[in-house]
Structure formats: C-alpha cells, structure tokens
Amino acid sequence: MSLISKENIQKFVPQYPPFLMVDTLESYEEKKAISSFTILDSNILLEDGFFTEAGMLENIAQTCALHSGYSFLSNISENNSSEHDKKAPVGFIGAIKDFSFTQKISVGDTIFTHIVIEHTIGVASVVKGSIFLSDQQIASCEMKIFLAE
C-alpha cells in the first residue's frame, strides 16, 4: 500500500497536471524514497509513444520533490497541527550528471523511481536517482537539487 495515493499526491509536490510526473509515494526514509508513475498516452513528455529522456529526468526530480514535501508536511503535522495550509517546498535542478538509460519507457508502463540523498548542505542536496521497470534498472543519474527558501 502506498504512503501517498494518486488522489493526494498534489499536496506533496509543487507541480500540477499536465506536468505532474509522479503518481504515488511507495516508500519513505530520511534519505530515501520510492515513487511510482504510470505513463499515460496524454503525457506531455511523450515522443512517438515513448516517455522522453526529459520525462525521465523530471520524474527523478519530482520524486525528490515528493520526498521533500512528505518530510516537510510530516514535520508540520507532528509539531503544529494548526499549520495544515502550508505547501510543500519548491525545488530546482541545479545540475545533472551521468544520466544514462538502457530502455525506452512505453505508454502503459509503470515505473518505480528510487532516490537516495547522498549529501545535503544548507538548501542544496546531491541525489542519486534510478528508474526501474519490472525490477530492472533502466535509467539513472545524479542531480544537484536546490530548495527555495
């Protein structure tokens, strides 16, 4: 069972359809998260029926956003229940390193994206992201993500 369902995902990320590239939060730890995302034929980052490289990168970045949003909103809930109108923080990709993919992702495929936060200094984090399709890693990269203050 997902920690955050597709119906509630927008509370935890700053993106909106049609640019929303995560469906659920499957797993959360302090420095890790796993999201799921099913590629629909209405996705704006499709080309010739395949999810583009830009889509894969955006999916990894939004998994990072989902991790940050879940952490942020969970801390508010635990510390001050009167602040439920707060929004998840906005982040920006500062750099992408070593992006590679071994397989295209088709309409109808469900991917699972794993992120691991390697280092955090202030508002900057270095994150490793990997996309899995049927338990096989098919894409990966390292990102520098900056949270807006």
N, C-alpha and C. Protein backbone atom coordinates (compact mmCIF):
# COMPACT_ATOMS: atom_id res chain seq x y z
N MET A 1 0.84 -1.19 0.00
CA MET A 1 0.00 0.00 0.00
C MET A 1 0.87 1.25 0.00
N SER A 2 0.51 2.22 -0.79
CA SER A 2 1.28 3.45 -0.93
C SER A 2 1.14 4.33 0.32
N LEU A 3 2.21 5.09 0.62
CA LEU A 3 2.15 6.08 1.70
C LEU A 3 1.29 7.27 1.28
N ILE A 4 1.39 7.64 0.00
CA ILE A 4 0.57 8.73 -0.55
C ILE A 4 -0.05 8.20 -1.85
N SER A 5 -1.35 8.33 -1.95
CA SER A 5 -2.06 7.84 -3.13
C SER A 5 -2.05 8.89 -4.24
N LYS A 6 -2.42 8.45 -5.42
CA LYS A 6 -2.50 9.35 -6.57
C LYS A 6 -3.48 10.50 -6.30
N GLU A 7 -4.54 10.22 -5.59
CA GLU A 7 -5.55 11.24 -5.29
C GLU A 7 -5.02 12.35 -4.38
N ASN A 8 -4.01 12.07 -3.58
CA ASN A 8 -3.48 13.04 -2.62
C ASN A 8 -2.10 13.59 -2.96
N ILE A 9 -1.55 13.19 -4.10
CA ILE A 9 -0.16 13.49 -4.43
C ILE A 9 0.12 14.99 -4.54
N GLN A 10 -0.83 15.77 -5.03
CA GLN A 10 -0.57 17.19 -5.30
C GLN A 10 -0.35 18.01 -4.04
N LYS A 11 -0.73 17.52 -2.89
CA LYS A 11 -0.46 18.22 -1.64
C LYS A 11 1.05 18.21 -1.34
N PHE A 12 1.76 17.22 -1.88
CA PHE A 12 3.15 16.99 -1.51
C PHE A 12 4.17 17.45 -2.54
N VAL A 13 3.73 17.85 -3.72
CA VAL A 13 4.64 18.33 -4.77
C VAL A 13 4.10 19.65 -5.31
N PRO A 14 4.98 20.52 -5.78
CA PRO A 14 4.51 21.81 -6.32
C PRO A 14 4.04 21.74 -7.77
N GLN A 15 4.23 20.65 -8.46
CA GLN A 15 3.85 20.52 -9.86
C GLN A 15 2.35 20.21 -9.98
N TYR A 16 1.79 20.60 -11.13
CA TYR A 16 0.38 20.36 -11.43
C TYR A 16 0.26 19.69 -12.79
N PRO A 17 -0.84 18.94 -13.00
CA PRO A 17 -1.07 18.41 -14.35
C PRO A 17 -1.13 19.58 -15.34
N PRO A 18 -0.66 19.44 -16.51
CA PRO A 18 -0.21 18.19 -17.14
C PRO A 18 1.27 17.89 -16.90
N PHE A 19 1.91 18.62 -15.99
CA PHE A 19 3.34 18.43 -15.78
C PHE A 19 3.65 17.64 -14.50
N LEU A 20 2.72 16.88 -14.03
CA LEU A 20 2.91 16.04 -12.85
C LEU A 20 3.44 14.68 -13.30
N MET A 21 4.63 14.29 -12.82
CA MET A 21 5.30 13.08 -13.30
C MET A 21 5.53 12.05 -12.19
N VAL A 22 4.72 12.09 -11.13
CA VAL A 22 4.72 11.06 -10.08
C VAL A 22 3.26 10.78 -9.73
N ASP A 23 2.97 9.53 -9.40
CA ASP A 23 1.61 9.14 -9.01
C ASP A 23 1.48 8.86 -7.52
N THR A 24 2.43 8.11 -6.96
CA THR A 24 2.33 7.70 -5.55
C THR A 24 3.70 7.75 -4.89
N LEU A 25 3.68 7.81 -3.57
CA LEU A 25 4.89 7.61 -2.76
C LEU A 25 4.79 6.22 -2.18
N GLU A 26 5.68 5.34 -2.62
CA GLU A 26 5.65 3.94 -2.20
C GLU A 26 6.43 3.70 -0.91
N SER A 27 7.51 4.45 -0.73
CA SER A 27 8.39 4.22 0.41
C SER A 27 9.09 5.54 0.76
N TYR A 28 9.29 5.76 2.06
CA TYR A 28 9.97 6.96 2.53
C TYR A 28 10.89 6.61 3.69
N GLU A 29 12.11 7.11 3.61
CA GLU A 29 13.05 7.10 4.73
C GLU A 29 13.71 8.47 4.76
N GLU A 30 14.46 8.76 5.80
CA GLU A 30 15.06 10.08 5.95
C GLU A 30 15.86 10.52 4.72
N LYS A 31 16.57 9.61 4.09
CA LYS A 31 17.40 9.96 2.94
C LYS A 31 17.07 9.16 1.68
N LYS A 32 15.89 8.54 1.66
CA LYS A 32 15.49 7.70 0.53
C LYS A 32 14.00 7.83 0.26
N ALA A 33 13.62 7.57 -0.97
CA ALA A 33 12.20 7.48 -1.31
C ALA A 33 12.04 6.66 -2.58
N ILE A 34 10.85 6.10 -2.74
CA ILE A 34 10.48 5.40 -3.96
C ILE A 34 9.10 5.91 -4.38
N SER A 35 9.00 6.33 -5.64
CA SER A 35 7.71 6.75 -6.20
C SER A 35 7.31 5.79 -7.30
N SER A 36 6.03 5.85 -7.68
CA SER A 36 5.58 5.12 -8.85
C SER A 36 4.94 6.11 -9.81
N PHE A 37 4.95 5.74 -11.11
CA PHE A 37 4.36 6.59 -12.13
C PHE A 37 3.99 5.73 -13.33
N THR A 38 2.72 5.81 -13.73
CA THR A 38 2.25 5.10 -14.91
C THR A 38 2.19 6.09 -16.07
N ILE A 39 2.80 5.70 -17.19
CA ILE A 39 2.87 6.56 -18.36
C ILE A 39 1.54 6.46 -19.12
N LEU A 40 0.84 7.58 -19.24
CA LEU A 40 -0.42 7.63 -19.97
C LEU A 40 -0.20 8.23 -21.36
N ASP A 41 -1.09 7.92 -22.28
CA ASP A 41 -0.93 8.45 -23.63
C ASP A 41 -1.17 9.96 -23.71
N SER A 42 -1.66 10.56 -22.65
CA SER A 42 -1.87 12.01 -22.59
C SER A 42 -0.65 12.76 -22.04
N ASN A 43 0.40 12.04 -21.65
CA ASN A 43 1.58 12.67 -21.07
C ASN A 43 2.23 13.64 -22.06
N ILE A 44 2.56 14.84 -21.59
CA ILE A 44 3.13 15.86 -22.49
C ILE A 44 4.60 15.62 -22.81
N LEU A 45 5.23 14.68 -22.12
CA LEU A 45 6.64 14.39 -22.38
C LEU A 45 6.81 13.06 -23.12
N LEU A 46 5.87 12.76 -23.99
CA LEU A 46 5.96 11.59 -24.86
C LEU A 46 6.47 12.03 -26.24
N GLU A 47 7.19 11.12 -26.87
CA GLU A 47 7.60 11.31 -28.25
C GLU A 47 7.50 9.95 -28.95
N ASP A 48 6.69 9.87 -29.98
CA ASP A 48 6.48 8.63 -30.72
C ASP A 48 6.06 7.48 -29.81
N GLY A 49 5.25 7.77 -28.80
CA GLY A 49 4.73 6.75 -27.90
C GLY A 49 5.66 6.33 -26.77
N PHE A 50 6.79 7.03 -26.63
CA PHE A 50 7.75 6.71 -25.57
C PHE A 50 7.96 7.92 -24.67
N PHE A 51 8.16 7.64 -23.38
CA PHE A 51 8.49 8.67 -22.39
C PHE A 51 9.90 9.17 -22.71
N THR A 52 10.06 10.47 -22.86
CA THR A 52 11.34 11.04 -23.27
C THR A 52 12.36 11.06 -22.14
N GLU A 53 13.61 11.33 -22.50
CA GLU A 53 14.67 11.49 -21.52
C GLU A 53 14.33 12.64 -20.57
N ALA A 54 13.78 13.73 -21.10
CA ALA A 54 13.36 14.85 -20.26
C ALA A 54 12.31 14.40 -19.25
N GLY A 55 11.41 13.53 -19.68
CA GLY A 55 10.41 12.99 -18.77
C GLY A 55 11.03 12.16 -17.66
N MET A 56 12.01 11.34 -18.02
CA MET A 56 12.70 10.53 -17.01
C MET A 56 13.39 11.43 -15.98
N LEU A 57 14.07 12.46 -16.45
CA LEU A 57 14.76 13.38 -15.54
C LEU A 57 13.75 14.13 -14.66
N GLU A 58 12.66 14.55 -15.25
CA GLU A 58 11.63 15.24 -14.47
C GLU A 58 11.00 14.31 -13.45
N ASN A 59 10.83 13.05 -13.80
CA ASN A 59 10.29 12.07 -12.85
C ASN A 59 11.24 11.89 -11.65
N ILE A 60 12.53 11.83 -11.91
CA ILE A 60 13.50 11.73 -10.81
C ILE A 60 13.44 12.99 -9.94
N ALA A 61 13.43 14.16 -10.57
CA ALA A 61 13.37 15.42 -9.83
C ALA A 61 12.08 15.51 -9.00
N GLN A 62 10.97 15.08 -9.58
CA GLN A 62 9.71 15.15 -8.84
C GLN A 62 9.66 14.11 -7.71
N THR A 63 10.38 13.02 -7.85
CA THR A 63 10.50 12.08 -6.73
C THR A 63 11.26 12.75 -5.59
N CYS A 64 12.27 13.55 -5.92
CA CYS A 64 12.98 14.34 -4.90
C CYS A 64 12.02 15.33 -4.25
N ALA A 65 11.20 16.00 -5.06
CA ALA A 65 10.21 16.95 -4.54
C ALA A 65 9.20 16.25 -3.63
N LEU A 66 8.80 15.06 -4.02
CA LEU A 66 7.86 14.28 -3.22
C LEU A 66 8.47 13.92 -1.87
N HIS A 67 9.74 13.54 -1.88
CA HIS A 67 10.46 13.25 -0.63
C HIS A 67 10.49 14.48 0.26
N SER A 68 10.86 15.63 -0.30
CA SER A 68 10.93 16.88 0.47
C SER A 68 9.56 17.28 0.99
N GLY A 69 8.55 17.20 0.14
CA GLY A 69 7.20 17.57 0.56
C GLY A 69 6.67 16.69 1.67
N TYR A 70 6.90 15.39 1.55
CA TYR A 70 6.43 14.47 2.58
C TYR A 70 7.15 14.74 3.91
N SER A 71 8.45 14.95 3.84
CA SER A 71 9.24 15.25 5.04
C SER A 71 8.75 16.55 5.68
N PHE A 72 8.61 17.59 4.89
CA PHE A 72 8.20 18.90 5.36
C PHE A 72 6.81 18.85 5.99
N LEU A 73 5.85 18.28 5.29
CA LEU A 73 4.48 18.26 5.79
C LEU A 73 4.31 17.30 6.96
N SER A 74 5.09 16.23 7.02
CA SER A 74 5.05 15.32 8.17
C SER A 74 5.57 16.02 9.41
N ASN A 75 6.63 16.80 9.26
CA ASN A 75 7.19 17.54 10.40
C ASN A 75 6.20 18.58 10.91
N ILE A 76 5.49 19.26 10.01
CA ILE A 76 4.47 20.23 10.44
C ILE A 76 3.37 19.53 11.21
N SER A 77 2.91 18.39 10.70
CA SER A 77 1.83 17.65 11.35
C SER A 77 2.22 17.23 12.76
N GLU A 78 3.47 16.80 12.92
CA GLU A 78 3.93 16.35 14.23
C GLU A 78 4.13 17.51 15.20
N ASN A 79 4.58 18.67 14.69
CA ASN A 79 4.97 19.77 15.56
C ASN A 79 3.90 20.83 15.77
N ASN A 80 2.98 21.01 14.81
CA ASN A 80 2.00 22.07 14.95
C ASN A 80 0.82 21.78 14.02
N SER A 81 -0.20 21.21 14.58
CA SER A 81 -1.34 20.78 13.76
C SER A 81 -2.12 21.96 13.19
N SER A 82 -1.87 23.19 13.63
CA SER A 82 -2.62 24.34 13.12
C SER A 82 -2.05 24.87 11.80
N GLU A 83 -0.97 24.29 11.30
CA GLU A 83 -0.33 24.78 10.08
C GLU A 83 -0.61 23.89 8.87
N HIS A 84 -1.80 23.31 8.78
CA HIS A 84 -2.11 22.37 7.70
C HIS A 84 -2.26 23.03 6.33
N ASP A 85 -2.29 24.37 6.27
CA ASP A 85 -2.41 25.05 4.98
C ASP A 85 -1.05 25.29 4.33
N LYS A 86 0.02 24.85 4.96
CA LYS A 86 1.37 25.02 4.40
C LYS A 86 1.52 24.18 3.14
N LYS A 87 2.35 24.67 2.23
CA LYS A 87 2.61 23.96 0.98
C LYS A 87 4.01 23.36 1.00
N ALA A 88 4.17 22.31 0.22
CA ALA A 88 5.47 21.65 0.08
C ALA A 88 6.47 22.63 -0.52
N PRO A 89 7.75 22.51 -0.16
CA PRO A 89 8.77 23.42 -0.70
C PRO A 89 8.98 23.22 -2.20
N VAL A 90 9.41 24.29 -2.85
CA VAL A 90 9.72 24.24 -4.28
C VAL A 90 11.21 24.03 -4.44
N GLY A 91 11.59 23.15 -5.35
CA GLY A 91 13.00 22.88 -5.60
C GLY A 91 13.35 23.14 -7.06
N PHE A 92 14.63 23.24 -7.31
CA PHE A 92 15.14 23.49 -8.66
C PHE A 92 16.31 22.56 -8.95
N ILE A 93 16.37 22.07 -10.16
CA ILE A 93 17.52 21.26 -10.58
C ILE A 93 18.68 22.21 -10.85
N GLY A 94 19.80 22.01 -10.16
CA GLY A 94 20.98 22.83 -10.38
C GLY A 94 21.94 22.21 -11.36
N ALA A 95 21.99 20.88 -11.38
CA ALA A 95 22.90 20.18 -12.29
C ALA A 95 22.45 18.73 -12.42
N ILE A 96 22.77 18.15 -13.57
CA ILE A 96 22.51 16.74 -13.84
C ILE A 96 23.82 16.13 -14.29
N LYS A 97 24.17 14.98 -13.71
CA LYS A 97 25.45 14.34 -14.02
C LYS A 97 25.21 12.86 -14.31
N ASP A 98 25.91 12.36 -15.31
CA ASP A 98 25.95 10.92 -15.61
C ASP A 98 24.58 10.31 -15.89
N PHE A 99 23.72 11.03 -16.63
CA PHE A 99 22.43 10.45 -16.99
C PHE A 99 22.63 9.37 -18.04
N SER A 100 21.99 8.24 -17.82
CA SER A 100 22.00 7.17 -18.82
C SER A 100 20.70 6.40 -18.72
N PHE A 101 20.30 5.81 -19.85
CA PHE A 101 19.15 4.92 -19.84
C PHE A 101 19.43 3.78 -20.81
N THR A 102 18.86 2.63 -20.51
CA THR A 102 19.12 1.43 -21.30
C THR A 102 17.90 0.93 -22.04
N GLN A 103 16.74 1.50 -21.73
CA GLN A 103 15.50 1.02 -22.33
C GLN A 103 14.50 2.16 -22.38
N LYS A 104 13.72 2.21 -23.45
CA LYS A 104 12.65 3.20 -23.55
C LYS A 104 11.47 2.76 -22.70
N ILE A 105 10.70 3.75 -22.28
CA ILE A 105 9.52 3.51 -21.46
C ILE A 105 8.29 3.80 -22.32
N SER A 106 7.40 2.84 -22.43
CA SER A 106 6.23 2.93 -23.31
C SER A 106 4.99 3.39 -22.56
N VAL A 107 4.02 3.88 -23.31
CA VAL A 107 2.71 4.19 -22.76
C VAL A 107 2.16 2.92 -22.11
N GLY A 108 1.63 3.08 -20.91
CA GLY A 108 1.09 1.95 -20.16
C GLY A 108 2.06 1.36 -19.15
N ASP A 109 3.35 1.63 -19.32
CA ASP A 109 4.35 1.12 -18.36
C ASP A 109 4.23 1.86 -17.03
N THR A 110 4.47 1.14 -15.94
CA THR A 110 4.58 1.75 -14.62
C THR A 110 6.03 1.64 -14.19
N ILE A 111 6.60 2.80 -13.86
CA ILE A 111 8.00 2.84 -13.41
C ILE A 111 8.04 3.12 -11.91
N PHE A 112 9.11 2.66 -11.29
CA PHE A 112 9.36 2.92 -9.88
C PHE A 112 10.70 3.64 -9.80
N THR A 113 10.68 4.82 -9.20
CA THR A 113 11.86 5.66 -9.15
C THR A 113 12.39 5.73 -7.73
N HIS A 114 13.66 5.38 -7.59
CA HIS A 114 14.33 5.37 -6.28
C HIS A 114 15.26 6.57 -6.23
N ILE A 115 15.20 7.31 -5.13
CA ILE A 115 16.19 8.37 -4.93
C ILE A 115 16.89 8.15 -3.59
N VAL A 116 18.17 8.51 -3.57
CA VAL A 116 18.98 8.46 -2.36
C VAL A 116 19.68 9.80 -2.23
N ILE A 117 19.49 10.46 -1.11
CA ILE A 117 20.16 11.73 -0.86
C ILE A 117 21.55 11.43 -0.33
N GLU A 118 22.56 11.76 -1.14
CA GLU A 118 23.95 11.48 -0.78
C GLU A 118 24.51 12.51 0.21
N HIS A 119 24.25 13.80 -0.07
CA HIS A 119 24.77 14.89 0.77
C HIS A 119 23.77 16.04 0.76
N THR A 120 23.69 16.74 1.89
CA THR A 120 22.90 17.96 1.95
C THR A 120 23.71 19.00 2.70
N ILE A 121 23.81 20.18 2.07
CA ILE A 121 24.46 21.32 2.71
C ILE A 121 23.53 22.51 2.51
N GLY A 122 22.96 23.00 3.61
CA GLY A 122 22.01 24.10 3.51
C GLY A 122 20.81 23.70 2.69
N VAL A 123 20.56 24.44 1.61
CA VAL A 123 19.40 24.18 0.75
C VAL A 123 19.75 23.32 -0.46
N ALA A 124 21.00 22.85 -0.53
CA ALA A 124 21.46 22.06 -1.69
C ALA A 124 21.65 20.60 -1.29
N SER A 125 21.19 19.72 -2.18
CA SER A 125 21.37 18.28 -1.98
C SER A 125 21.91 17.63 -3.25
N VAL A 126 22.75 16.64 -3.06
CA VAL A 126 23.20 15.78 -4.16
C VAL A 126 22.41 14.49 -4.02
N VAL A 127 21.70 14.13 -5.11
CA VAL A 127 20.79 13.00 -5.08
C VAL A 127 21.12 12.05 -6.21
N LYS A 128 21.11 10.76 -5.92
CA LYS A 128 21.22 9.74 -6.96
C LYS A 128 19.83 9.18 -7.20
N GLY A 129 19.46 9.14 -8.48
CA GLY A 129 18.14 8.64 -8.84
C GLY A 129 18.25 7.49 -9.81
N SER A 130 17.36 6.51 -9.67
CA SER A 130 17.32 5.35 -10.55
C SER A 130 15.87 5.03 -10.87
N ILE A 131 15.61 4.71 -12.13
CA ILE A 131 14.27 4.32 -12.56
C ILE A 131 14.28 2.83 -12.86
N PHE A 132 13.26 2.14 -12.34
CA PHE A 132 13.12 0.70 -12.53
C PHE A 132 11.83 0.39 -13.28
N LEU A 133 11.92 -0.58 -14.17
CA LEU A 133 10.77 -1.11 -14.90
C LEU A 133 10.84 -2.62 -14.75
N SER A 134 9.81 -3.21 -14.17
CA SER A 134 9.80 -4.67 -13.92
C SER A 134 11.05 -5.13 -13.19
N ASP A 135 11.40 -4.45 -12.13
CA ASP A 135 12.54 -4.79 -11.26
C ASP A 135 13.90 -4.67 -11.95
N GLN A 136 13.96 -4.07 -13.13
CA GLN A 136 15.22 -3.88 -13.84
C GLN A 136 15.52 -2.38 -13.90
N GLN A 137 16.72 -1.99 -13.46
CA GLN A 137 17.09 -0.59 -13.54
C GLN A 137 17.29 -0.21 -15.00
N ILE A 138 16.59 0.84 -15.44
CA ILE A 138 16.68 1.23 -16.85
C ILE A 138 17.20 2.65 -17.05
N ALA A 139 17.32 3.43 -15.96
CA ALA A 139 17.84 4.79 -16.08
C ALA A 139 18.42 5.22 -14.75
N SER A 140 19.40 6.14 -14.81
CA SER A 140 19.99 6.66 -13.58
C SER A 140 20.69 7.98 -13.85
N CYS A 141 20.89 8.74 -12.80
CA CYS A 141 21.66 9.97 -12.87
C CYS A 141 21.93 10.47 -11.46
N GLU A 142 22.73 11.52 -11.40
CA GLU A 142 22.95 12.25 -10.18
C GLU A 142 22.45 13.67 -10.42
N MET A 143 21.76 14.23 -9.45
CA MET A 143 21.24 15.61 -9.56
C MET A 143 21.67 16.42 -8.36
N LYS A 144 21.89 17.70 -8.62
CA LYS A 144 22.00 18.68 -7.53
C LYS A 144 20.68 19.40 -7.50
N ILE A 145 20.03 19.37 -6.35
CA ILE A 145 18.72 19.99 -6.17
C ILE A 145 18.85 21.09 -5.13
N PHE A 146 18.24 22.23 -5.44
CA PHE A 146 18.23 23.36 -4.52
C PHE A 146 16.80 23.67 -4.13
N LEU A 147 16.54 23.80 -2.82
CA LEU A 147 15.21 24.17 -2.33
C LEU A 147 15.13 25.67 -2.20
N ALA A 148 14.02 26.25 -2.63
CA ALA A 148 13.78 27.68 -2.45
C ALA A 148 13.55 27.94 -0.97
N GLU A 149 14.04 29.05 -0.51
CA GLU A 149 13.83 29.38 0.91
C GLU A 149 12.62 30.25 1.08
